[in-house]
Amino acid sequence: MSDERYVGNSLLFFLAGAAVGATIAVLTTPKTGPELRGDIKGLGQRVRDRFASSRPFERERDRDHDMVGA
């Protein structure tokens, strides 16, 4: 059990560090405001798309729930 918790914590800290590093990189890049906002918007869209595609079982569950309620 403690090994699983260690791996989970390590992964969490790795992802948090990656997010902080990416944020610093984006904010320190010499771009104009509109360019930077466009980059951030595009990144957000890619993250949403990737998250949605990695969770197909929830879409099926929601689809089935909608069919029952209809």
N, C-alpha and C. Protein backbone atom coordinates (compact mmCIF):
# COMPACT_ATOMS: atom_id res chain seq x y z
N MET A 1 0.82 -1.19 0.00
CA MET A 1 0.00 0.00 0.00
C MET A 1 0.86 1.25 0.00
N SER A 2 1.93 1.26 0.78
CA SER A 2 2.77 2.46 0.85
C SER A 2 3.50 2.69 -0.47
N ASP A 3 3.84 1.61 -1.20
CA ASP A 3 4.48 1.78 -2.51
C ASP A 3 3.53 2.45 -3.49
N GLU A 4 2.26 2.07 -3.47
CA GLU A 4 1.27 2.70 -4.35
C GLU A 4 1.11 4.17 -4.01
N ARG A 5 1.09 4.48 -2.74
CA ARG A 5 0.95 5.87 -2.31
C ARG A 5 2.18 6.67 -2.74
N TYR A 6 3.37 6.07 -2.63
CA TYR A 6 4.61 6.74 -3.03
C TYR A 6 4.57 7.04 -4.52
N VAL A 7 4.16 6.07 -5.33
CA VAL A 7 4.10 6.27 -6.78
C VAL A 7 3.07 7.34 -7.11
N GLY A 8 1.92 7.30 -6.44
CA GLY A 8 0.89 8.31 -6.68
C GLY A 8 1.37 9.71 -6.32
N ASN A 9 2.03 9.83 -5.18
CA ASN A 9 2.56 11.14 -4.77
C ASN A 9 3.64 11.61 -5.72
N SER A 10 4.50 10.70 -6.15
CA SER A 10 5.57 11.07 -7.08
C SER A 10 4.99 11.58 -8.39
N LEU A 11 3.98 10.88 -8.89
CA LEU A 11 3.35 11.30 -10.14
C LEU A 11 2.68 12.67 -9.97
N LEU A 12 2.01 12.87 -8.86
CA LEU A 12 1.35 14.14 -8.59
C LEU A 12 2.37 15.28 -8.56
N PHE A 13 3.48 15.08 -7.86
CA PHE A 13 4.50 16.13 -7.78
C PHE A 13 5.16 16.37 -9.14
N PHE A 14 5.36 15.31 -9.91
CA PHE A 14 5.92 15.47 -11.25
C PHE A 14 5.00 16.31 -12.13
N LEU A 15 3.71 16.00 -12.12
CA LEU A 15 2.76 16.75 -12.94
C LEU A 15 2.64 18.20 -12.47
N ALA A 16 2.66 18.41 -11.17
CA ALA A 16 2.60 19.78 -10.64
C ALA A 16 3.84 20.56 -11.08
N GLY A 17 4.99 19.94 -11.01
CA GLY A 17 6.23 20.59 -11.44
C GLY A 17 6.22 20.90 -12.92
N ALA A 18 5.69 19.98 -13.71
CA ALA A 18 5.60 20.21 -15.15
C ALA A 18 4.67 21.37 -15.45
N ALA A 19 3.56 21.46 -14.72
CA ALA A 19 2.61 22.56 -14.93
C ALA A 19 3.25 23.89 -14.56
N VAL A 20 3.96 23.93 -13.45
CA VAL A 20 4.64 25.17 -13.03
C VAL A 20 5.70 25.55 -14.06
N GLY A 21 6.48 24.59 -14.51
CA GLY A 21 7.50 24.87 -15.51
C GLY A 21 6.92 25.38 -16.82
N ALA A 22 5.83 24.77 -17.26
CA ALA A 22 5.18 25.21 -18.49
C ALA A 22 4.62 26.62 -18.34
N THR A 23 4.06 26.91 -17.18
CA THR A 23 3.51 28.24 -16.93
C THR A 23 4.61 29.29 -16.96
N ILE A 24 5.72 29.00 -16.32
CA ILE A 24 6.85 29.95 -16.32
C ILE A 24 7.38 30.15 -17.73
N ALA A 25 7.49 29.06 -18.49
CA ALA A 25 7.99 29.17 -19.86
C ALA A 25 7.07 30.03 -20.72
N VAL A 26 5.76 29.84 -20.58
CA VAL A 26 4.81 30.62 -21.37
C VAL A 26 4.85 32.09 -20.97
N LEU A 27 4.92 32.36 -19.69
CA LEU A 27 4.86 33.74 -19.23
C LEU A 27 6.15 34.52 -19.48
N THR A 28 7.26 33.84 -19.63
CA THR A 28 8.52 34.54 -19.86
C THR A 28 8.91 34.60 -21.34
N THR A 29 8.11 34.03 -22.20
CA THR A 29 8.36 34.08 -23.64
C THR A 29 8.00 35.47 -24.15
N PRO A 30 8.90 36.08 -24.91
CA PRO A 30 8.62 37.44 -25.40
C PRO A 30 7.59 37.43 -26.54
N LYS A 31 6.32 37.56 -26.18
CA LYS A 31 5.24 37.63 -27.17
C LYS A 31 4.31 38.76 -26.79
N THR A 32 3.54 39.20 -27.76
CA THR A 32 2.55 40.23 -27.47
C THR A 32 1.38 39.60 -26.72
N GLY A 33 0.57 40.44 -26.11
CA GLY A 33 -0.58 39.96 -25.35
C GLY A 33 -1.51 39.07 -26.16
N PRO A 34 -1.94 39.52 -27.34
CA PRO A 34 -2.85 38.68 -28.14
C PRO A 34 -2.22 37.33 -28.55
N GLU A 35 -0.92 37.34 -28.86
CA GLU A 35 -0.25 36.08 -29.21
C GLU A 35 -0.23 35.13 -28.01
N LEU A 36 0.11 35.67 -26.85
CA LEU A 36 0.18 34.86 -25.64
C LEU A 36 -1.19 34.31 -25.28
N ARG A 37 -2.23 35.13 -25.35
CA ARG A 37 -3.58 34.66 -25.05
C ARG A 37 -4.01 33.58 -26.03
N GLY A 38 -3.64 33.73 -27.29
CA GLY A 38 -3.96 32.71 -28.29
C GLY A 38 -3.26 31.39 -27.99
N ASP A 39 -2.00 31.48 -27.57
CA ASP A 39 -1.26 30.27 -27.20
C ASP A 39 -1.89 29.57 -26.01
N ILE A 40 -2.27 30.36 -25.00
CA ILE A 40 -2.88 29.78 -23.81
C ILE A 40 -4.23 29.16 -24.15
N LYS A 41 -5.00 29.83 -24.98
CA LYS A 41 -6.30 29.30 -25.39
C LYS A 41 -6.13 27.98 -26.15
N GLY A 42 -5.16 27.94 -27.06
CA GLY A 42 -4.89 26.71 -27.81
C GLY A 42 -4.44 25.58 -26.91
N LEU A 43 -3.60 25.90 -25.94
CA LEU A 43 -3.13 24.89 -24.99
C LEU A 43 -4.30 24.35 -24.17
N GLY A 44 -5.17 25.23 -23.72
CA GLY A 44 -6.34 24.80 -22.95
C GLY A 44 -7.23 23.89 -23.77
N GLN A 45 -7.43 24.23 -25.03
CA GLN A 45 -8.26 23.40 -25.91
C GLN A 45 -7.64 22.02 -26.11
N ARG A 46 -6.31 21.97 -26.30
CA ARG A 46 -5.64 20.67 -26.49
C ARG A 46 -5.74 19.82 -25.23
N VAL A 47 -5.60 20.45 -24.06
CA VAL A 47 -5.71 19.71 -22.81
C VAL A 47 -7.12 19.16 -22.66
N ARG A 48 -8.14 19.99 -22.94
CA ARG A 48 -9.53 19.52 -22.84
C ARG A 48 -9.78 18.37 -23.80
N ASP A 49 -9.29 18.49 -25.03
CA ASP A 49 -9.49 17.43 -26.02
C ASP A 49 -8.81 16.14 -25.59
N ARG A 50 -7.60 16.25 -25.09
CA ARG A 50 -6.86 15.06 -24.66
C ARG A 50 -7.55 14.41 -23.46
N PHE A 51 -8.01 15.23 -22.52
CA PHE A 51 -8.70 14.71 -21.34
C PHE A 51 -9.99 14.01 -21.75
N ALA A 52 -10.73 14.62 -22.67
CA ALA A 52 -12.00 14.03 -23.12
C ALA A 52 -11.75 12.72 -23.85
N SER A 53 -10.70 12.64 -24.64
CA SER A 53 -10.44 11.41 -25.39
C SER A 53 -9.88 10.30 -24.52
N SER A 54 -9.35 10.65 -23.35
CA SER A 54 -8.79 9.62 -22.47
C SER A 54 -9.84 9.06 -21.52
N ARG A 55 -11.07 9.56 -21.58
CA ARG A 55 -12.12 9.11 -20.67
C ARG A 55 -13.35 8.65 -21.45
N PRO A 56 -13.20 7.69 -22.36
CA PRO A 56 -14.35 7.28 -23.18
C PRO A 56 -15.45 6.60 -22.36
N PHE A 57 -15.10 5.93 -21.27
CA PHE A 57 -16.11 5.23 -20.49
C PHE A 57 -17.11 6.21 -19.88
N GLU A 58 -16.69 7.41 -19.55
CA GLU A 58 -17.62 8.39 -18.99
C GLU A 58 -18.56 8.91 -20.07
N ARG A 59 -18.06 9.08 -21.29
CA ARG A 59 -18.95 9.51 -22.36
C ARG A 59 -20.02 8.47 -22.63
N GLU A 60 -19.63 7.18 -22.61
CA GLU A 60 -20.60 6.12 -22.80
C GLU A 60 -21.61 6.11 -21.68
N ARG A 61 -21.16 6.31 -20.45
CA ARG A 61 -22.06 6.33 -19.31
C ARG A 61 -23.04 7.49 -19.43
N ASP A 62 -22.54 8.66 -19.82
CA ASP A 62 -23.41 9.82 -19.98
C ASP A 62 -24.40 9.60 -21.11
N ARG A 63 -23.93 9.00 -22.20
CA ARG A 63 -24.81 8.71 -23.33
C ARG A 63 -25.91 7.75 -22.90
N ASP A 64 -25.55 6.70 -22.17
CA ASP A 64 -26.54 5.74 -21.70
C ASP A 64 -27.51 6.40 -20.74
N HIS A 65 -27.02 7.29 -19.89
CA HIS A 65 -27.89 7.99 -18.95
C HIS A 65 -28.88 8.87 -19.69
N ASP A 66 -28.42 9.55 -20.76
CA ASP A 66 -29.29 10.40 -21.55
C ASP A 66 -30.38 9.58 -22.25
N MET A 67 -30.02 8.37 -22.69
CA MET A 67 -31.00 7.52 -23.36
C MET A 67 -32.08 7.07 -22.39
N VAL A 68 -31.70 6.78 -21.17
CA VAL A 68 -32.67 6.32 -20.16
C VAL A 68 -33.60 7.47 -19.81
N GLY A 69 -33.05 8.68 -19.68
CA GLY A 69 -33.86 9.83 -19.29
C GLY A 69 -34.75 10.35 -20.42
N ALA A 70 -34.48 9.97 -21.66
CA ALA A 70 -35.24 10.47 -22.81
C ALA A 70 -36.58 9.82 -22.96
